[in-house]
Amino acid sequence: MAIALERQFAPERPVAPGSRLVIVRHGEAVSNAEDLIAGHVGCRGLTERGRLQVEALADRLASTGELDGATALYSSVLRRAVETAEILLPVLGDVTYRTRCELCERHPGEADGLSWSEFDERYGPLLPGEDPGRPLSPGGESWLQLLDRAEEALYRLVEEHPGELVVVSSHGGVIEASLIRFLALPSNGALVRLFPDNASMTEWVYNGSRWWLVRFNDAAHLDPHRPDDPVGLRVLAPSWVRREEPGLAERA
């Protein structure tokens, strides 16, 4: 079902009408399961559940053909996103595949590989959108730097593929950046909390004057009530969210 939320003004740079972006969040990563900060150093790829999540999405796409016509698949260079892209690639047909660091999650700096509890003790809690100019840790990116980088990366893709469907294997932070910048959310997104599921799809289409959000967090293939889902493929929220809202629990 189309959500039809729209940005109220045209972007400063030209975008061809009909350009589509489908951003897939990677499957559950080892860093998600172990509550770690995982950049280029700390990322150890997908868990077994993460692979099953992405395989469920691949099965859905093969069955429905809803991304037929895609011309390109891009991935961040982080292992969890690359493994996600490699699972999806065979069902997307004749697409080009490339990796780009600009599509990575927020670069953590020296906190790369720490647990979130270790991060809190060393640097103090820092949630997305709060203190947006502060780097996550020394040598890392601030929230504003992530938003700028991700927005530029997504615009670059649609400019390189005008009027085409481009699939992106990326991260929650990049999905959040697309929502904050394409919908012009205030306060750099600090007033909202956005929790895309692992292996979910967020889709944008440009109608000639503005971005339309066609779907956000589409993870119907991870329905927890499915009889063939014995391991509980859908998780309610990532671990850093549960730090803020301790009442939230994973779906088993």
C-alpha atoms as a PDB file:
ATOM      1  CA  MET A   1       0.000   0.000   0.000  1.00  0.00           C
ATOM      2  CA  ALA A   2       1.400   3.397  -0.957  1.00  0.00           C
ATOM      3  CA  ILE A   3       2.086   5.707   1.962  1.00  0.00           C
ATOM      4  CA  ALA A   4       2.278   8.789  -0.279  1.00  0.00           C
ATOM      5  CA  LEU A   5       4.201  11.003   2.104  1.00  0.00           C
ATOM      6  CA  GLU A   6       5.964  13.712   0.154  1.00  0.00           C
ATOM      7  CA  ARG A   7       8.631  16.344   0.432  1.00  0.00           C
ATOM      8  CA  GLN A   8       7.033  19.740  -0.037  1.00  0.00           C
ATOM      9  CA  PHE A   9       9.713  21.208  -2.287  1.00  0.00           C
ATOM     10  CA  ALA A  10      11.866  20.079  -5.152  1.00  0.00           C
ATOM     11  CA  PRO A  11      15.533  19.235  -4.538  1.00  0.00           C
ATOM     12  CA  GLU A  12      18.138  21.681  -5.767  1.00  0.00           C
ATOM     13  CA  ARG A  13      19.635  19.061  -8.078  1.00  0.00           C
ATOM     14  CA  PRO A  14      17.811  17.510 -11.038  1.00  0.00           C
ATOM     15  CA  VAL A  15      16.289  14.062 -10.673  1.00  0.00           C
ATOM     16  CA  ALA A  16      14.696  12.263 -13.630  1.00  0.00           C
ATOM     17  CA  PRO A  17      10.974  11.512 -13.222  1.00  0.00           C
ATOM     18  CA  GLY A  18      10.328   7.865 -12.441  1.00  0.00           C
ATOM     19  CA  SER A  19      13.655   7.326 -10.694  1.00  0.00           C
ATOM     20  CA  ARG A  20      13.225   4.682  -7.976  1.00  0.00           C
ATOM     21  CA  LEU A  21      15.349   3.732  -5.003  1.00  0.00           C
ATOM     22  CA  VAL A  22      14.717   0.603  -2.942  1.00  0.00           C
ATOM     23  CA  ILE A  23      16.933   0.577   0.144  1.00  0.00           C
ATOM     24  CA  VAL A  24      17.244  -2.807   1.846  1.00  0.00           C
ATOM     25  CA  ARG A  25      18.561  -2.898   5.371  1.00  0.00           C
ATOM     26  CA  HIS A  26      21.044  -5.730   5.820  1.00  0.00           C
ATOM     27  CA  GLY A  27      19.995  -8.880   7.665  1.00  0.00           C
ATOM     28  CA  GLU A  28      20.735  -9.327  11.342  1.00  0.00           C
ATOM     29  CA  ALA A  29      24.472  -8.912  11.849  1.00  0.00           C
ATOM     30  CA  VAL A  30      26.785 -10.422  14.434  1.00  0.00           C
ATOM     31  CA  SER A  31      27.171  -6.887  15.748  1.00  0.00           C
ATOM     32  CA  ASN A  32      23.393  -6.606  16.221  1.00  0.00           C
ATOM     33  CA  ALA A  33      23.209  -9.893  18.082  1.00  0.00           C
ATOM     34  CA  GLU A  34      26.242  -9.111  20.266  1.00  0.00           C
ATOM     35  CA  ASP A  35      25.421  -5.414  20.815  1.00  0.00           C
ATOM     36  CA  LEU A  36      28.602  -4.147  19.170  1.00  0.00           C
ATOM     37  CA  ILE A  37      29.547  -1.031  17.224  1.00  0.00           C
ATOM     38  CA  ALA A  38      30.701  -2.351  13.876  1.00  0.00           C
ATOM     39  CA  GLY A  39      32.456  -0.239  11.284  1.00  0.00           C
ATOM     40  CA  HIS A  40      35.142  -1.377   8.893  1.00  0.00           C
ATOM     41  CA  VAL A  41      37.038  -3.072  11.728  1.00  0.00           C
ATOM     42  CA  GLY A  42      34.278  -4.543  13.855  1.00  0.00           C
ATOM     43  CA  CYS A  43      31.846  -5.848  11.228  1.00  0.00           C
ATOM     44  CA  ARG A  44      31.776  -9.666  11.154  1.00  0.00           C
ATOM     45  CA  GLY A  45      28.942 -10.124   8.712  1.00  0.00           C
ATOM     46  CA  LEU A  46      25.525 -11.715   9.114  1.00  0.00           C
ATOM     47  CA  THR A  47      24.323 -14.164  11.717  1.00  0.00           C
ATOM     48  CA  GLU A  48      22.601 -17.344  10.598  1.00  0.00           C
ATOM     49  CA  ARG A  49      19.274 -15.670  11.366  1.00  0.00           C
ATOM     50  CA  GLY A  50      20.401 -12.694   9.288  1.00  0.00           C
ATOM     51  CA  ARG A  51      21.072 -14.928   6.304  1.00  0.00           C
ATOM     52  CA  LEU A  52      17.658 -16.548   6.720  1.00  0.00           C
ATOM     53  CA  GLN A  53      16.035 -13.117   6.842  1.00  0.00           C
ATOM     54  CA  VAL A  54      17.625 -12.081   3.561  1.00  0.00           C
ATOM     55  CA  GLU A  55      16.866 -15.446   1.977  1.00  0.00           C
ATOM     56  CA  ALA A  56      13.208 -14.911   2.911  1.00  0.00           C
ATOM     57  CA  LEU A  57      13.323 -11.568   1.120  1.00  0.00           C
ATOM     58  CA  ALA A  58      15.016 -13.144  -1.897  1.00  0.00           C
ATOM     59  CA  ASP A  59      12.312 -15.841  -2.037  1.00  0.00           C
ATOM     60  CA  ARG A  60       9.648 -13.143  -1.889  1.00  0.00           C
ATOM     61  CA  LEU A  61      11.223 -11.152  -4.709  1.00  0.00           C
ATOM     62  CA  ALA A  62      11.619 -14.250  -6.870  1.00  0.00           C
ATOM     63  CA  SER A  63       7.944 -15.071  -6.312  1.00  0.00           C
ATOM     64  CA  THR A  64       6.404 -11.619  -6.701  1.00  0.00           C
ATOM     65  CA  GLY A  65       8.738 -10.050  -9.230  1.00  0.00           C
ATOM     66  CA  GLU A  66       8.134  -6.713  -7.508  1.00  0.00           C
ATOM     67  CA  LEU A  67      11.655  -5.495  -8.244  1.00  0.00           C
ATOM     68  CA  ASP A  68      11.734  -6.771 -11.822  1.00  0.00           C
ATOM     69  CA  GLY A  69      13.348  -4.233 -14.057  1.00  0.00           C
ATOM     70  CA  ALA A  70      16.022  -3.187 -11.574  1.00  0.00           C
ATOM     71  CA  THR A  71      19.129  -2.096 -13.422  1.00  0.00           C
ATOM     72  CA  ALA A  72      21.669  -1.855 -10.615  1.00  0.00           C
ATOM     73  CA  LEU A  73      22.443  -3.164  -7.144  1.00  0.00           C
ATOM     74  CA  TYR A  74      24.734  -1.182  -4.875  1.00  0.00           C
ATOM     75  CA  SER A  75      26.056  -2.135  -1.459  1.00  0.00           C
ATOM     76  CA  SER A  76      28.037  -0.505   1.278  1.00  0.00           C
ATOM     77  CA  VAL A  77      31.476  -2.038   1.722  1.00  0.00           C
ATOM     78  CA  LEU A  78      30.676  -3.364   5.192  1.00  0.00           C
ATOM     79  CA  ARG A  79      30.569  -7.136   5.309  1.00  0.00           C
ATOM     80  CA  ARG A  80      26.964  -7.385   6.563  1.00  0.00           C
ATOM     81  CA  ALA A  81      25.688  -5.323   3.638  1.00  0.00           C
ATOM     82  CA  VAL A  82      27.875  -7.136   1.091  1.00  0.00           C
ATOM     83  CA  GLU A  83      26.614 -10.538   2.271  1.00  0.00           C
ATOM     84  CA  THR A  84      23.046  -9.236   2.024  1.00  0.00           C
ATOM     85  CA  ALA A  85      23.641  -8.030  -1.539  1.00  0.00           C
ATOM     86  CA  GLU A  86      25.216 -11.325  -2.557  1.00  0.00           C
ATOM     87  CA  ILE A  87      22.092 -13.218  -1.448  1.00  0.00           C
ATOM     88  CA  LEU A  88      19.801 -10.841  -3.345  1.00  0.00           C
ATOM     89  CA  LEU A  89      21.859 -10.573  -6.522  1.00  0.00           C
ATOM     90  CA  PRO A  90      20.711 -13.844  -8.182  1.00  0.00           C
ATOM     91  CA  VAL A  91      17.004 -12.901  -7.974  1.00  0.00           C
ATOM     92  CA  LEU A  92      17.390  -9.363  -9.325  1.00  0.00           C
ATOM     93  CA  GLY A  93      18.122 -10.413 -12.875  1.00  0.00           C
ATOM     94  CA  ASP A  94      20.578  -8.676 -15.168  1.00  0.00           C
ATOM     95  CA  VAL A  95      21.832  -5.900 -12.899  1.00  0.00           C
ATOM     96  CA  THR A  96      25.226  -4.319 -12.411  1.00  0.00           C
ATOM     97  CA  TYR A  97      26.653  -4.719  -8.907  1.00  0.00           C
ATOM     98  CA  ARG A  98      29.025  -2.319  -7.183  1.00  0.00           C
ATOM     99  CA  THR A  99      30.088  -1.482  -3.640  1.00  0.00           C
ATOM    100  CA  ARG A 100      30.521   2.061  -2.308  1.00  0.00           C
ATOM    101  CA  CYS A 101      31.782   3.224   1.050  1.00  0.00           C
ATOM    102  CA  GLU A 102      29.466   6.258   0.845  1.00  0.00           C
ATOM    103  CA  LEU A 103      26.581   3.850   1.552  1.00  0.00           C
ATOM    104  CA  CYS A 104      28.088   2.651   4.844  1.00  0.00           C
ATOM    105  CA  GLU A 105      26.603   3.120   8.275  1.00  0.00           C
ATOM    106  CA  ARG A 106      27.913   6.029  10.331  1.00  0.00           C
ATOM    107  CA  HIS A 107      31.688   5.697  10.581  1.00  0.00           C
ATOM    108  CA  PRO A 108      32.334   5.117  14.308  1.00  0.00           C
ATOM    109  CA  GLY A 109      35.974   6.146  14.629  1.00  0.00           C
ATOM    110  CA  GLU A 110      37.983   4.723  17.538  1.00  0.00           C
ATOM    111  CA  ALA A 111      34.808   3.194  19.051  1.00  0.00           C
ATOM    112  CA  ASP A 112      34.746   0.641  16.231  1.00  0.00           C
ATOM    113  CA  GLY A 113      34.420  -2.813  17.806  1.00  0.00           C
ATOM    114  CA  LEU A 114      33.317  -1.656  21.266  1.00  0.00           C
ATOM    115  CA  SER A 115      30.114  -2.849  22.864  1.00  0.00           C
ATOM    116  CA  TRP A 116      27.456  -0.203  23.357  1.00  0.00           C
ATOM    117  CA  SER A 117      27.856  -0.485  27.115  1.00  0.00           C
ATOM    118  CA  GLU A 118      31.593   0.154  26.740  1.00  0.00           C
ATOM    119  CA  PHE A 119      30.789   3.102  24.489  1.00  0.00           C
ATOM    120  CA  ASP A 120      28.433   4.601  27.096  1.00  0.00           C
ATOM    121  CA  GLU A 121      31.062   4.281  29.810  1.00  0.00           C
ATOM    122  CA  ARG A 122      33.825   5.789  27.685  1.00  0.00           C
ATOM    123  CA  TYR A 123      32.028   8.521  25.741  1.00  0.00           C
ATOM    124  CA  GLY A 124      28.561   8.913  27.254  1.00  0.00           C
ATOM    125  CA  PRO A 125      25.255   7.954  25.576  1.00  0.00           C
ATOM    126  CA  LEU A 126      24.583   9.459  22.158  1.00  0.00           C
ATOM    127  CA  LEU A 127      21.434   8.673  20.174  1.00  0.00           C
ATOM    128  CA  PRO A 128      20.756   9.536  16.512  1.00  0.00           C
ATOM    129  CA  GLY A 129      19.872  13.206  16.066  1.00  0.00           C
ATOM    130  CA  GLU A 130      21.127  14.284  19.475  1.00  0.00           C
ATOM    131  CA  ASP A 131      24.109  16.659  19.536  1.00  0.00           C
ATOM    132  CA  PRO A 132      24.258  16.316  15.727  1.00  0.00           C
ATOM    133  CA  GLY A 133      27.665  17.912  15.322  1.00  0.00           C
ATOM    134  CA  ARG A 134      29.458  15.603  17.763  1.00  0.00           C
ATOM    135  CA  PRO A 135      31.457  12.723  16.251  1.00  0.00           C
ATOM    136  CA  LEU A 136      30.391   9.324  17.501  1.00  0.00           C
ATOM    137  CA  SER A 137      33.928   8.998  18.845  1.00  0.00           C
ATOM    138  CA  PRO A 138      37.288  10.573  17.930  1.00  0.00           C
ATOM    139  CA  GLY A 139      37.971   9.985  14.249  1.00  0.00           C
ATOM    140  CA  GLY A 140      34.337   9.145  13.550  1.00  0.00           C
ATOM    141  CA  GLU A 141      31.432  10.912  11.893  1.00  0.00           C
ATOM    142  CA  SER A 142      28.870  13.189  13.431  1.00  0.00           C
ATOM    143  CA  TRP A 143      25.176  12.675  12.763  1.00  0.00           C
ATOM    144  CA  LEU A 144      25.188  15.639  10.354  1.00  0.00           C
ATOM    145  CA  GLN A 145      28.136  14.204   8.456  1.00  0.00           C
ATOM    146  CA  LEU A 146      26.288  10.904   8.040  1.00  0.00           C
ATOM    147  CA  LEU A 147      23.154  12.695   6.794  1.00  0.00           C
ATOM    148  CA  ASP A 148      25.171  14.747   4.298  1.00  0.00           C
ATOM    149  CA  ARG A 149      27.163  11.751   3.057  1.00  0.00           C
ATOM    150  CA  ALA A 150      24.157   9.443   2.696  1.00  0.00           C
ATOM    151  CA  GLU A 151      22.023  12.066   0.960  1.00  0.00           C
ATOM    152  CA  GLU A 152      24.824  12.811  -1.506  1.00  0.00           C
ATOM    153  CA  ALA A 153      25.345   9.073  -2.148  1.00  0.00           C
ATOM    154  CA  LEU A 154      21.654   8.460  -2.876  1.00  0.00           C
ATOM    155  CA  TYR A 155      21.380  11.454  -5.190  1.00  0.00           C
ATOM    156  CA  ARG A 156      24.493  10.297  -6.992  1.00  0.00           C
ATOM    157  CA  LEU A 157      22.850   6.925  -7.658  1.00  0.00           C
ATOM    158  CA  VAL A 158      19.685   8.377  -9.190  1.00  0.00           C
ATOM    159  CA  GLU A 159      21.735  10.805 -11.259  1.00  0.00           C
ATOM    160  CA  GLU A 160      23.812   7.921 -12.611  1.00  0.00           C
ATOM    161  CA  HIS A 161      20.650   5.875 -13.314  1.00  0.00           C
ATOM    162  CA  PRO A 162      18.017   8.403 -14.425  1.00  0.00           C
ATOM    163  CA  GLY A 163      14.497   7.014 -14.508  1.00  0.00           C
ATOM    164  CA  GLU A 164      15.692   3.562 -13.430  1.00  0.00           C
ATOM    165  CA  LEU A 165      15.108   1.273 -10.446  1.00  0.00           C
ATOM    166  CA  VAL A 166      18.189   1.007  -8.235  1.00  0.00           C
ATOM    167  CA  VAL A 167      18.401  -1.392  -5.281  1.00  0.00           C
ATOM    168  CA  VAL A 168      20.692  -0.520  -2.380  1.00  0.00           C
ATOM    169  CA  SER A 169      21.933  -2.914   0.303  1.00  0.00           C
ATOM    170  CA  SER A 170      22.725  -0.639   3.198  1.00  0.00           C
ATOM    171  CA  HIS A 171      22.050   0.297   6.798  1.00  0.00           C
ATOM    172  CA  GLY A 172      19.525   1.783   9.180  1.00  0.00           C
ATOM    173  CA  GLY A 173      21.399   5.073   9.294  1.00  0.00           C
ATOM    174  CA  VAL A 174      21.225   5.486   5.515  1.00  0.00           C
ATOM    175  CA  ILE A 175      17.498   4.695   5.536  1.00  0.00           C
ATOM    176  CA  GLU A 176      16.992   7.264   8.289  1.00  0.00           C
ATOM    177  CA  ALA A 177      19.000   9.799   6.302  1.00  0.00           C
ATOM    178  CA  SER A 178      16.752   9.282   3.280  1.00  0.00           C
ATOM    179  CA  LEU A 179      13.656   9.927   5.386  1.00  0.00           C
ATOM    180  CA  ILE A 180      15.106  12.953   7.158  1.00  0.00           C
ATOM    181  CA  ARG A 181      16.432  14.614   4.017  1.00  0.00           C
ATOM    182  CA  PHE A 182      13.852  13.584   1.383  1.00  0.00           C
ATOM    183  CA  LEU A 183      10.949  14.478   3.700  1.00  0.00           C
ATOM    184  CA  ALA A 184      12.745  17.486   5.204  1.00  0.00           C
ATOM    185  CA  LEU A 185      12.134  16.338   8.779  1.00  0.00           C
ATOM    186  CA  PRO A 186      12.995  19.034  11.340  1.00  0.00           C
ATOM    187  CA  SER A 187      15.808  18.999  13.896  1.00  0.00           C
ATOM    188  CA  ASN A 188      17.885  16.516  11.871  1.00  0.00           C
ATOM    189  CA  GLY A 189      15.469  13.757  12.856  1.00  0.00           C
ATOM    190  CA  ALA A 190      15.954  14.184  16.602  1.00  0.00           C
ATOM    191  CA  LEU A 191      12.182  14.435  17.137  1.00  0.00           C
ATOM    192  CA  VAL A 192      11.454  10.961  15.771  1.00  0.00           C
ATOM    193  CA  ARG A 193      12.762   7.431  16.212  1.00  0.00           C
ATOM    194  CA  LEU A 194      12.843   5.283  13.089  1.00  0.00           C
ATOM    195  CA  PHE A 195      13.407   1.538  13.441  1.00  0.00           C
ATOM    196  CA  PRO A 196      13.719  -0.269  10.089  1.00  0.00           C
ATOM    197  CA  ASP A 197      13.734  -4.041  10.491  1.00  0.00           C
ATOM    198  CA  ASN A 198      16.608  -6.166   9.289  1.00  0.00           C
ATOM    199  CA  ALA A 199      16.045  -7.240   5.665  1.00  0.00           C
ATOM    200  CA  SER A 200      13.239  -4.686   5.245  1.00  0.00           C
ATOM    201  CA  MET A 201      12.644  -2.528   2.165  1.00  0.00           C
ATOM    202  CA  THR A 202      12.140   1.229   1.997  1.00  0.00           C
ATOM    203  CA  GLU A 203      11.149   2.552  -1.425  1.00  0.00           C
ATOM    204  CA  TRP A 204      11.254   6.021  -2.941  1.00  0.00           C
ATOM    205  CA  VAL A 205      10.053   7.268  -6.321  1.00  0.00           C
ATOM    206  CA  TYR A 206      10.604  10.714  -7.799  1.00  0.00           C
ATOM    207  CA  ASN A 207       7.513  11.985  -9.601  1.00  0.00           C
ATOM    208  CA  GLY A 208       9.094  14.907 -11.397  1.00  0.00           C
ATOM    209  CA  SER A 209       8.808  17.479  -8.644  1.00  0.00           C
ATOM    210  CA  ARG A 210       9.203  15.674  -5.333  1.00  0.00           C
ATOM    211  CA  TRP A 211      10.051  12.424  -3.592  1.00  0.00           C
ATOM    212  CA  TRP A 212       7.266  10.023  -2.698  1.00  0.00           C
ATOM    213  CA  LEU A 213       7.732   7.483   0.074  1.00  0.00           C
ATOM    214  CA  VAL A 214       6.087   4.406  -1.414  1.00  0.00           C
ATOM    215  CA  ARG A 215       6.873   2.123   1.528  1.00  0.00           C
ATOM    216  CA  PHE A 216       8.910   2.143   4.704  1.00  0.00           C
ATOM    217  CA  ASN A 217      10.036  -0.928   6.673  1.00  0.00           C
ATOM    218  CA  ASP A 218       8.312  -3.436   4.396  1.00  0.00           C
ATOM    219  CA  ALA A 219       9.201  -6.733   6.047  1.00  0.00           C
ATOM    220  CA  ALA A 220       6.087  -8.757   5.249  1.00  0.00           C
ATOM    221  CA  HIS A 221       8.328 -11.721   4.356  1.00  0.00           C
ATOM    222  CA  LEU A 222       9.356 -11.830   8.051  1.00  0.00           C
ATOM    223  CA  ASP A 223       5.811 -12.257   9.396  1.00  0.00           C
ATOM    224  CA  PRO A 224       6.361 -13.720  12.905  1.00  0.00           C
ATOM    225  CA  HIS A 225       3.091 -15.655  12.659  1.00  0.00           C
ATOM    226  CA  ARG A 226       4.212 -17.683   9.670  1.00  0.00           C
ATOM    227  CA  PRO A 227       4.270 -21.407  10.496  1.00  0.00           C
ATOM    228  CA  ASP A 228       7.587 -21.757   8.636  1.00  0.00           C
ATOM    229  CA  ASP A 229       9.337 -19.202  10.856  1.00  0.00           C
ATOM    230  CA  PRO A 230      10.507 -21.325  13.785  1.00  0.00           C
ATOM    231  CA  VAL A 231      13.533 -19.186  14.625  1.00  0.00           C
ATOM    232  CA  GLY A 232      11.738 -15.854  14.863  1.00  0.00           C
ATOM    233  CA  LEU A 233      13.112 -13.970  11.871  1.00  0.00           C
ATOM    234  CA  ARG A 234      11.646 -10.599  12.776  1.00  0.00           C
ATOM    235  CA  VAL A 235      13.124  -8.515  15.586  1.00  0.00           C
ATOM    236  CA  LEU A 236      11.167  -5.629  17.082  1.00  0.00           C
ATOM    237  CA  ALA A 237      14.006  -3.145  17.406  1.00  0.00           C
ATOM    238  CA  PRO A 238      17.811  -3.004  17.306  1.00  0.00           C
ATOM    239  CA  SER A 239      19.747  -3.243  20.514  1.00  0.00           C
ATOM    240  CA  TRP A 240      20.593   0.463  20.764  1.00  0.00           C
ATOM    241  CA  VAL A 241      16.846   1.177  20.714  1.00  0.00           C
ATOM    242  CA  ARG A 242      16.327  -1.131  23.672  1.00  0.00           C
ATOM    243  CA  ARG A 243      18.938   0.896  25.542  1.00  0.00           C
ATOM    244  CA  GLU A 244      16.614   3.882  25.249  1.00  0.00           C
ATOM    245  CA  GLU A 245      13.359   1.970  25.696  1.00  0.00           C
ATOM    246  CA  PRO A 246      14.078  -0.929  28.046  1.00  0.00           C
ATOM    247  CA  GLY A 247      10.466  -2.127  27.853  1.00  0.00           C
ATOM    248  CA  LEU A 248      10.913  -3.177  24.227  1.00  0.00           C
ATOM    249  CA  ALA A 249      11.694  -6.854  23.733  1.00  0.00           C
ATOM    250  CA  GLU A 250      12.592  -9.013  20.791  1.00  0.00           C
ATOM    251  CA  ARG A 251       9.935 -11.147  19.155  1.00  0.00           C
ATOM    252  CA  ALA A 252      11.026 -14.723  19.640  1.00  0.00           C
END
